[in-house]
N, C-alpha and C. Protein backbone atom coordinates (compact mmCIF):
# COMPACT_ATOMS: atom_id res chain seq x y z
N MET A 1 163.62 108.42 46.88
CA MET A 1 164.39 107.25 47.14
C MET A 1 163.51 106.04 47.31
N VAL A 2 163.91 104.99 46.84
CA VAL A 2 163.15 103.76 46.88
C VAL A 2 163.79 102.86 47.93
N ALA A 3 162.99 102.27 48.71
CA ALA A 3 163.51 101.43 49.77
C ALA A 3 163.74 100.03 49.26
N THR A 4 164.75 99.46 49.74
CA THR A 4 165.04 98.09 49.35
C THR A 4 164.44 97.18 50.40
N GLU A 5 164.52 95.91 50.15
CA GLU A 5 163.92 94.97 51.10
C GLU A 5 164.65 95.00 52.43
N ASP A 6 165.95 95.21 52.36
CA ASP A 6 166.73 95.20 53.57
C ASP A 6 166.60 96.51 54.33
N ARG A 7 166.38 97.55 53.63
CA ARG A 7 166.37 98.86 54.26
C ARG A 7 165.02 99.52 54.15
N GLU A 8 164.78 100.41 55.10
CA GLU A 8 163.54 101.19 55.07
C GLU A 8 163.80 102.50 54.38
N ASP A 9 162.71 103.13 54.01
CA ASP A 9 162.80 104.45 53.36
C ASP A 9 163.29 105.43 54.40
N PRO A 10 164.35 106.20 54.12
CA PRO A 10 164.85 107.13 55.10
C PRO A 10 163.91 108.29 55.36
N ASP A 11 162.93 108.56 54.48
CA ASP A 11 161.99 109.67 54.68
C ASP A 11 160.83 109.27 55.61
N THR A 12 160.76 108.02 55.96
CA THR A 12 159.65 107.55 56.79
C THR A 12 159.90 107.93 58.24
N THR A 13 158.92 108.56 58.85
CA THR A 13 159.02 108.97 60.25
C THR A 13 158.54 107.83 61.14
N PRO A 14 158.87 107.90 62.40
CA PRO A 14 158.42 106.83 63.30
C PRO A 14 156.89 106.75 63.36
N LEU A 15 156.19 107.85 63.27
CA LEU A 15 154.73 107.84 63.29
C LEU A 15 154.18 107.12 62.07
N MET A 16 154.79 107.37 60.93
CA MET A 16 154.36 106.71 59.71
C MET A 16 154.65 105.22 59.81
N ARG A 17 155.77 104.88 60.38
CA ARG A 17 156.11 103.49 60.54
C ARG A 17 155.11 102.79 61.44
N CYS A 18 154.71 103.45 62.50
CA CYS A 18 153.72 102.88 63.44
C CYS A 18 152.40 102.66 62.73
N ARG A 19 151.98 103.62 61.92
CA ARG A 19 150.72 103.48 61.18
C ARG A 19 150.80 102.33 60.20
N LYS A 20 151.94 102.17 59.57
CA LYS A 20 152.10 101.08 58.61
C LYS A 20 152.04 99.75 59.33
N GLU A 21 152.59 99.68 60.52
CA GLU A 21 152.59 98.42 61.26
C GLU A 21 151.19 98.08 61.74
N ASN A 22 150.44 99.09 62.10
CA ASN A 22 149.09 98.86 62.61
C ASN A 22 148.06 98.76 61.50
N ALA A 23 148.44 99.06 60.30
CA ALA A 23 147.51 99.00 59.18
C ALA A 23 147.14 97.56 58.91
N PRO A 24 145.86 97.29 58.51
CA PRO A 24 145.46 95.92 58.22
C PRO A 24 146.27 95.39 57.05
N GLN A 25 146.60 94.12 57.17
CA GLN A 25 147.38 93.49 56.13
C GLN A 25 146.49 93.06 55.00
N GLY A 26 146.98 93.08 53.83
CA GLY A 26 146.22 92.64 52.66
C GLY A 26 145.77 93.82 51.85
N SER A 27 145.31 93.53 50.73
CA SER A 27 144.89 94.56 49.80
C SER A 27 143.48 94.97 50.11
N THR A 28 143.15 96.25 49.95
CA THR A 28 141.80 96.75 50.19
C THR A 28 140.90 96.39 49.04
N SER A 29 141.45 95.95 47.98
CA SER A 29 140.62 95.55 46.85
C SER A 29 140.36 94.05 46.86
N ASN A 30 140.88 93.37 47.85
CA ASN A 30 140.70 91.93 47.97
C ASN A 30 139.24 91.65 48.36
N PRO A 31 138.50 90.80 47.59
CA PRO A 31 137.09 90.52 47.90
C PRO A 31 136.90 89.86 49.26
N LEU A 32 137.78 89.00 49.71
CA LEU A 32 137.65 88.37 51.02
C LEU A 32 137.78 89.42 52.12
N PHE A 33 138.70 90.34 51.91
CA PHE A 33 138.90 91.41 52.88
C PHE A 33 137.64 92.26 52.98
N LEU A 34 137.07 92.61 51.85
CA LEU A 34 135.85 93.43 51.85
C LEU A 34 134.68 92.65 52.46
N GLN A 35 134.63 91.36 52.20
CA GLN A 35 133.56 90.51 52.74
C GLN A 35 133.68 90.45 54.27
N ARG A 36 134.92 90.30 54.78
CA ARG A 36 135.13 90.25 56.23
C ARG A 36 134.74 91.59 56.86
N ILE A 37 135.06 92.66 56.20
CA ILE A 37 134.68 93.99 56.72
C ILE A 37 133.17 94.12 56.76
N ALA A 38 132.49 93.68 55.71
CA ALA A 38 131.03 93.75 55.66
C ALA A 38 130.42 92.87 56.74
N GLU A 39 130.97 91.65 56.92
CA GLU A 39 130.48 90.74 57.96
C GLU A 39 130.68 91.35 59.35
N GLU A 40 131.85 91.98 59.55
CA GLU A 40 132.13 92.61 60.83
C GLU A 40 131.14 93.74 61.10
N LYS A 41 130.85 94.55 60.08
CA LYS A 41 129.87 95.64 60.23
C LYS A 41 128.50 95.07 60.54
N GLU A 42 128.13 93.99 59.83
CA GLU A 42 126.83 93.34 60.05
C GLU A 42 126.74 92.77 61.46
N ARG A 43 127.83 92.12 61.92
CA ARG A 43 127.87 91.55 63.26
C ARG A 43 127.73 92.66 64.31
N ARG A 44 128.46 93.76 64.13
CA ARG A 44 128.38 94.88 65.07
C ARG A 44 126.98 95.50 65.07
N LYS A 45 126.39 95.58 63.88
CA LYS A 45 125.03 96.12 63.76
C LYS A 45 124.04 95.23 64.50
N ARG A 46 124.16 93.88 64.32
CA ARG A 46 123.28 92.94 65.02
C ARG A 46 123.48 93.04 66.53
N GLU A 47 124.73 93.11 66.96
CA GLU A 47 125.02 93.23 68.39
C GLU A 47 124.41 94.51 68.96
N GLU A 48 124.51 95.59 68.21
CA GLU A 48 123.93 96.86 68.65
C GLU A 48 122.41 96.76 68.73
N GLU A 49 121.81 96.12 67.70
CA GLU A 49 120.35 95.94 67.71
C GLU A 49 119.92 95.06 68.87
N GLU A 50 120.68 93.96 69.13
CA GLU A 50 120.36 93.08 70.25
C GLU A 50 120.49 93.83 71.57
N LYS A 51 121.55 94.65 71.63
CA LYS A 51 121.77 95.44 72.84
C LYS A 51 120.60 96.41 73.05
N GLN A 52 120.18 97.07 71.98
CA GLN A 52 119.06 98.00 72.08
C GLN A 52 117.77 97.26 72.42
N GLU A 53 117.60 96.06 71.84
CA GLU A 53 116.41 95.26 72.13
C GLU A 53 116.40 94.84 73.60
N LYS A 54 117.57 94.42 74.10
CA LYS A 54 117.67 94.06 75.51
C LYS A 54 117.37 95.26 76.39
N MET A 55 117.93 96.40 76.03
CA MET A 55 117.67 97.62 76.81
C MET A 55 116.19 97.97 76.78
N SER A 56 115.59 97.79 75.60
CA SER A 56 114.16 98.06 75.46
C SER A 56 113.36 97.13 76.37
N ARG A 57 113.73 95.83 76.39
CA ARG A 57 113.03 94.87 77.25
C ARG A 57 113.26 95.21 78.73
N VAL A 58 114.49 95.59 79.05
CA VAL A 58 114.78 95.98 80.44
C VAL A 58 113.94 97.18 80.83
N CYS A 59 113.85 98.16 79.94
CA CYS A 59 113.03 99.35 80.22
C CYS A 59 111.56 98.96 80.40
N GLN A 60 111.07 98.04 79.55
CA GLN A 60 109.69 97.57 79.67
C GLN A 60 109.49 96.87 81.01
N ILE A 61 110.44 96.01 81.37
CA ILE A 61 110.32 95.28 82.64
C ILE A 61 110.32 96.27 83.81
N ILE A 62 111.21 97.25 83.74
CA ILE A 62 111.25 98.26 84.81
C ILE A 62 109.95 99.05 84.84
N ALA A 63 109.47 99.43 83.65
CA ALA A 63 108.21 100.19 83.59
C ALA A 63 107.06 99.36 84.13
N LEU A 64 107.01 98.07 83.76
CA LEU A 64 105.95 97.19 84.27
C LEU A 64 106.07 97.04 85.79
N GLY A 65 107.31 96.89 86.27
CA GLY A 65 107.51 96.80 87.72
C GLY A 65 107.07 98.06 88.42
N ASP A 66 107.43 99.21 87.84
CA ASP A 66 107.00 100.49 88.43
C ASP A 66 105.49 100.62 88.42
N LEU A 67 104.88 100.22 87.30
CA LEU A 67 103.42 100.30 87.20
C LEU A 67 102.77 99.36 88.22
N ALA A 68 103.30 98.13 88.29
CA ALA A 68 102.75 97.18 89.26
C ALA A 68 102.90 97.71 90.69
N ARG A 69 104.08 98.28 91.00
CA ARG A 69 104.31 98.83 92.32
C ARG A 69 103.36 100.00 92.58
N LYS A 70 103.20 100.84 91.57
CA LYS A 70 102.30 102.00 91.71
C LYS A 70 100.86 101.53 91.94
N LEU A 71 100.43 100.53 91.15
CA LEU A 71 99.07 100.01 91.32
C LEU A 71 98.91 99.36 92.69
N HIS A 72 99.95 98.62 93.10
CA HIS A 72 99.89 98.00 94.42
C HIS A 72 99.80 99.07 95.50
N ASP A 73 100.62 100.11 95.38
CA ASP A 73 100.59 101.19 96.36
C ASP A 73 99.22 101.86 96.37
N GLU A 74 98.63 102.07 95.19
CA GLU A 74 97.30 102.66 95.13
C GLU A 74 96.28 101.75 95.77
N ASP A 75 96.39 100.43 95.51
CA ASP A 75 95.47 99.48 96.13
C ASP A 75 95.62 99.49 97.65
N VAL A 76 96.88 99.50 98.09
CA VAL A 76 97.12 99.53 99.53
C VAL A 76 96.57 100.82 100.13
N HIS A 77 96.83 101.93 99.44
CA HIS A 77 96.31 103.23 99.92
C HIS A 77 94.78 103.20 99.95
N HIS A 78 94.19 102.66 98.88
CA HIS A 78 92.72 102.58 98.82
C HIS A 78 92.20 101.67 99.93
N ASP A 79 92.86 100.51 100.11
CA ASP A 79 92.45 99.60 101.17
C ASP A 79 92.60 100.25 102.54
N ASN A 80 93.72 100.95 102.73
CA ASN A 80 93.93 101.64 104.00
C ASN A 80 92.85 102.69 104.23
N ALA A 81 92.52 103.42 103.19
CA ALA A 81 91.47 104.44 103.31
C ALA A 81 90.14 103.78 103.65
N ARG A 82 89.87 102.63 103.00
CA ARG A 82 88.62 101.92 103.28
C ARG A 82 88.60 101.43 104.73
N VAL A 83 89.72 100.89 105.20
CA VAL A 83 89.81 100.40 106.58
C VAL A 83 89.64 101.57 107.55
N GLU A 84 90.28 102.70 107.25
CA GLU A 84 90.15 103.88 108.12
C GLU A 84 88.71 104.36 108.17
N GLU A 85 88.05 104.38 107.02
CA GLU A 85 86.64 104.81 106.97
C GLU A 85 85.77 103.84 107.76
N LYS A 86 86.04 102.56 107.61
CA LYS A 86 85.27 101.55 108.33
C LYS A 86 85.48 101.70 109.84
N GLU A 87 86.72 101.93 110.25
CA GLU A 87 87.04 102.12 111.66
C GLU A 87 86.37 103.39 112.19
N ARG A 88 86.38 104.47 111.38
CA ARG A 88 85.74 105.71 111.79
C ARG A 88 84.24 105.51 111.99
N ARG A 89 83.62 104.77 111.05
CA ARG A 89 82.19 104.50 111.18
C ARG A 89 81.89 103.64 112.41
N ARG A 90 82.77 102.65 112.67
CA ARG A 90 82.58 101.79 113.83
C ARG A 90 82.67 102.62 115.11
N LEU A 91 83.65 103.53 115.16
CA LEU A 91 83.78 104.39 116.33
C LEU A 91 82.58 105.31 116.49
N GLU A 92 82.10 105.84 115.36
CA GLU A 92 80.91 106.69 115.41
C GLU A 92 79.71 105.90 115.92
N ASP A 93 79.57 104.66 115.42
CA ASP A 93 78.46 103.81 115.89
C ASP A 93 78.59 103.53 117.37
N GLU A 94 79.82 103.24 117.82
CA GLU A 94 80.03 103.01 119.25
C GLU A 94 79.69 104.25 120.05
N GLN A 95 80.06 105.43 119.52
CA GLN A 95 79.74 106.67 120.23
C GLN A 95 78.23 106.87 120.27
N ARG A 96 77.58 106.59 119.12
CA ARG A 96 76.11 106.72 119.12
C ARG A 96 75.49 105.79 120.13
N ILE A 97 75.98 104.54 120.16
CA ILE A 97 75.45 103.57 121.12
C ILE A 97 75.72 104.06 122.53
N LEU A 98 76.95 104.55 122.75
CA LEU A 98 77.30 105.06 124.07
C LEU A 98 76.42 106.24 124.44
N LEU A 99 76.24 107.17 123.48
CA LEU A 99 75.38 108.33 123.75
C LEU A 99 73.94 107.89 124.01
N ALA A 100 73.47 106.93 123.18
CA ALA A 100 72.12 106.43 123.38
C ALA A 100 72.02 105.74 124.74
N SER A 101 73.05 104.99 125.08
CA SER A 101 73.08 104.31 126.38
C SER A 101 73.09 105.33 127.51
N GLU A 102 73.92 106.35 127.37
CA GLU A 102 73.97 107.41 128.38
C GLU A 102 72.62 108.13 128.47
N GLN A 103 72.02 108.41 127.31
CA GLN A 103 70.72 109.07 127.28
C GLN A 103 69.68 108.18 127.96
N PHE A 104 69.74 106.88 127.64
CA PHE A 104 68.80 105.95 128.26
C PHE A 104 69.00 105.92 129.77
N GLU A 105 70.26 105.84 130.21
CA GLU A 105 70.55 105.82 131.64
C GLU A 105 70.07 107.12 132.30
N LYS A 106 70.29 108.23 131.61
CA LYS A 106 69.86 109.52 132.15
C LYS A 106 68.33 109.55 132.29
N GLU A 107 67.64 109.11 131.24
CA GLU A 107 66.17 109.08 131.30
C GLU A 107 65.71 108.12 132.39
N LEU A 108 66.38 106.98 132.50
CA LEU A 108 66.01 106.01 133.53
C LEU A 108 66.22 106.61 134.92
N ARG A 109 67.36 107.31 135.13
CA ARG A 109 67.60 107.97 136.42
C ARG A 109 66.53 109.02 136.70
N GLU A 110 66.20 109.80 135.67
CA GLU A 110 65.17 110.84 135.84
C GLU A 110 63.84 110.21 136.22
N GLU A 111 63.49 109.09 135.53
CA GLU A 111 62.24 108.41 135.87
C GLU A 111 62.28 107.87 137.29
N GLU A 112 63.42 107.29 137.69
CA GLU A 112 63.55 106.78 139.05
C GLU A 112 63.45 107.91 140.07
N GLU A 113 64.12 109.05 139.77
CA GLU A 113 64.05 110.20 140.67
C GLU A 113 62.61 110.70 140.77
N GLU A 114 61.93 110.74 139.63
CA GLU A 114 60.53 111.18 139.63
C GLU A 114 59.68 110.22 140.46
N GLU A 115 59.90 108.91 140.28
CA GLU A 115 59.15 107.94 141.06
C GLU A 115 59.46 108.09 142.55
N ASN A 116 60.75 108.29 142.85
CA ASN A 116 61.13 108.48 144.26
C ASN A 116 60.48 109.72 144.85
N LYS A 117 60.44 110.82 144.05
CA LYS A 117 59.77 112.04 144.53
C LYS A 117 58.30 111.78 144.78
N LYS A 118 57.67 111.06 143.84
CA LYS A 118 56.25 110.74 144.02
C LYS A 118 56.04 109.90 145.27
N LYS A 119 56.93 108.91 145.49
CA LYS A 119 56.82 108.06 146.67
C LYS A 119 57.01 108.88 147.93
N GLU A 120 58.02 109.79 147.89
CA GLU A 120 58.27 110.64 149.05
C GLU A 120 57.07 111.54 149.33
N GLU A 121 56.51 112.13 148.26
CA GLU A 121 55.33 112.98 148.44
C GLU A 121 54.16 112.17 148.98
N LYS A 122 53.99 110.97 148.45
CA LYS A 122 52.91 110.11 148.92
C LYS A 122 53.13 109.74 150.38
N GLU A 123 54.41 109.44 150.72
CA GLU A 123 54.74 109.10 152.10
C GLU A 123 54.51 110.31 153.01
N LYS A 124 54.88 111.51 152.54
CA LYS A 124 54.65 112.72 153.32
C LYS A 124 53.15 112.94 153.53
N ARG A 125 52.36 112.75 152.45
CA ARG A 125 50.90 112.92 152.58
C ARG A 125 50.33 111.88 153.55
N ARG A 126 50.86 110.63 153.43
CA ARG A 126 50.36 109.58 154.33
C ARG A 126 50.71 109.93 155.78
N LYS A 127 51.98 110.38 155.98
CA LYS A 127 52.39 110.75 157.34
C LYS A 127 51.59 111.93 157.84
N ALA A 128 51.36 112.91 156.95
CA ALA A 128 50.56 114.08 157.35
C ALA A 128 49.13 113.63 157.67
N ASN A 129 48.59 112.74 156.88
CA ASN A 129 47.23 112.22 157.12
C ASN A 129 47.19 111.47 158.44
N MET A 130 48.23 110.64 158.69
CA MET A 130 48.28 109.88 159.94
C MET A 130 48.39 110.84 161.12
N GLN A 131 49.20 111.86 160.95
CA GLN A 131 49.36 112.87 162.01
C GLN A 131 48.03 113.57 162.25
N HIS A 132 47.37 113.91 161.13
CA HIS A 132 46.06 114.57 161.24
C HIS A 132 45.06 113.64 161.95
N ILE A 133 45.08 112.35 161.56
CA ILE A 133 44.18 111.39 162.20
C ILE A 133 44.52 111.26 163.68
N ARG A 134 45.78 111.17 164.02
CA ARG A 134 46.20 111.07 165.43
C ARG A 134 45.74 112.30 166.22
N GLU A 135 45.94 113.48 165.59
CA GLU A 135 45.50 114.72 166.24
C GLU A 135 44.00 114.68 166.50
N ASN A 136 43.26 114.29 165.45
CA ASN A 136 41.80 114.21 165.61
C ASN A 136 41.44 113.20 166.69
N LYS A 137 42.12 112.02 166.67
CA LYS A 137 41.82 111.01 167.69
C LYS A 137 42.20 111.53 169.08
N ARG A 138 43.35 112.18 169.18
CA ARG A 138 43.77 112.73 170.46
C ARG A 138 42.75 113.76 170.95
N LYS A 139 42.29 114.61 170.02
CA LYS A 139 41.28 115.61 170.38
C LYS A 139 39.98 114.93 170.79
N GLU A 140 39.59 113.89 170.03
CA GLU A 140 38.36 113.17 170.37
C GLU A 140 38.49 112.51 171.74
N VAL A 141 39.68 111.90 171.95
CA VAL A 141 39.90 111.25 173.25
C VAL A 141 39.89 112.31 174.36
N ALA A 142 40.55 113.42 174.10
CA ALA A 142 40.56 114.48 175.11
C ALA A 142 39.15 114.99 175.35
N LYS A 143 38.39 115.16 174.29
CA LYS A 143 37.00 115.61 174.41
C LYS A 143 36.16 114.57 175.14
N TRP A 144 36.38 113.32 174.79
CA TRP A 144 35.63 112.23 175.43
C TRP A 144 35.96 112.18 176.91
N LYS A 145 37.27 112.35 177.25
CA LYS A 145 37.68 112.36 178.66
C LYS A 145 37.05 113.54 179.40
N ARG A 146 37.00 114.67 178.77
CA ARG A 146 36.36 115.83 179.40
C ARG A 146 34.88 115.57 179.62
N GLU A 147 34.31 114.98 178.56
CA GLU A 147 32.89 114.66 178.70
C GLU A 147 32.67 113.65 179.82
N GLN A 148 33.57 112.67 179.89
CA GLN A 148 33.46 111.66 180.95
C GLN A 148 33.63 112.33 182.32
N GLU A 149 34.62 113.21 182.39
CA GLU A 149 34.85 113.90 183.65
C GLU A 149 33.64 114.77 184.01
N GLU A 150 33.10 115.43 183.01
CA GLU A 150 31.93 116.27 183.25
C GLU A 150 30.75 115.41 183.67
N GLN A 151 30.57 114.31 183.00
CA GLN A 151 29.47 113.40 183.37
C GLN A 151 29.70 112.86 184.79
N HIS A 152 30.97 112.58 185.06
CA HIS A 152 31.29 112.08 186.38
C HIS A 152 31.02 113.17 187.43
N LYS A 153 31.35 114.38 187.13
CA LYS A 153 31.09 115.50 188.02
C LYS A 153 29.59 115.72 188.14
N VAL A 154 28.90 115.59 187.04
CA VAL A 154 27.45 115.77 187.06
C VAL A 154 26.84 114.66 187.91
N ARG A 155 27.28 113.49 187.82
CA ARG A 155 26.77 112.35 188.59
C ARG A 155 27.07 112.57 190.09
N GLU A 156 28.25 113.01 190.34
CA GLU A 156 28.63 113.26 191.70
C GLU A 156 27.75 114.38 192.28
N ARG A 157 27.47 115.34 191.55
CA ARG A 157 26.62 116.45 191.98
C ARG A 157 25.21 115.92 192.22
N LYS A 158 24.81 115.08 191.33
CA LYS A 158 23.47 114.53 191.50
C LYS A 158 23.45 113.63 192.72
N GLN A 159 24.45 112.95 192.95
CA GLN A 159 24.49 112.05 194.09
C GLN A 159 24.60 112.90 195.37
N ARG A 160 25.19 113.96 195.32
CA ARG A 160 25.32 114.82 196.46
C ARG A 160 24.01 115.55 196.71
N GLN A 161 23.34 115.75 195.84
CA GLN A 161 22.06 116.45 196.01
C GLN A 161 21.07 115.50 196.49
């Protein structure tokens, strides 16, 4: 059956009618239609390429940012390690100085103690010598007094005789 202008083909289903309505208008052999289709494909291709190029640039920027962050983190880590090493060496130097200072103080105390012992020994010898001298003087005085008494007794005896 052939459809007239006023009527539709009775064999046409609603799905077919919908497809016909949504179908592009114009002939597929029309050069302008083909040119528009080619331009549309070219435009979509360019948009896709631009999109891919933008994504590529975004990926590069992200990669550069990640690399810069990684390098910065490595620099910070390296700097921190250097600072920690420097601090450790400073503390070791302070400990060495402290140990040297303590050693010096210990040696100085030992020398002072040794000097004090020598002074005490010298003082003891001096006191012992003084005591010895006093004893000798006391003995001499006692001997002299005895001699004086004996001489006095001898004189008295002589005078009595």
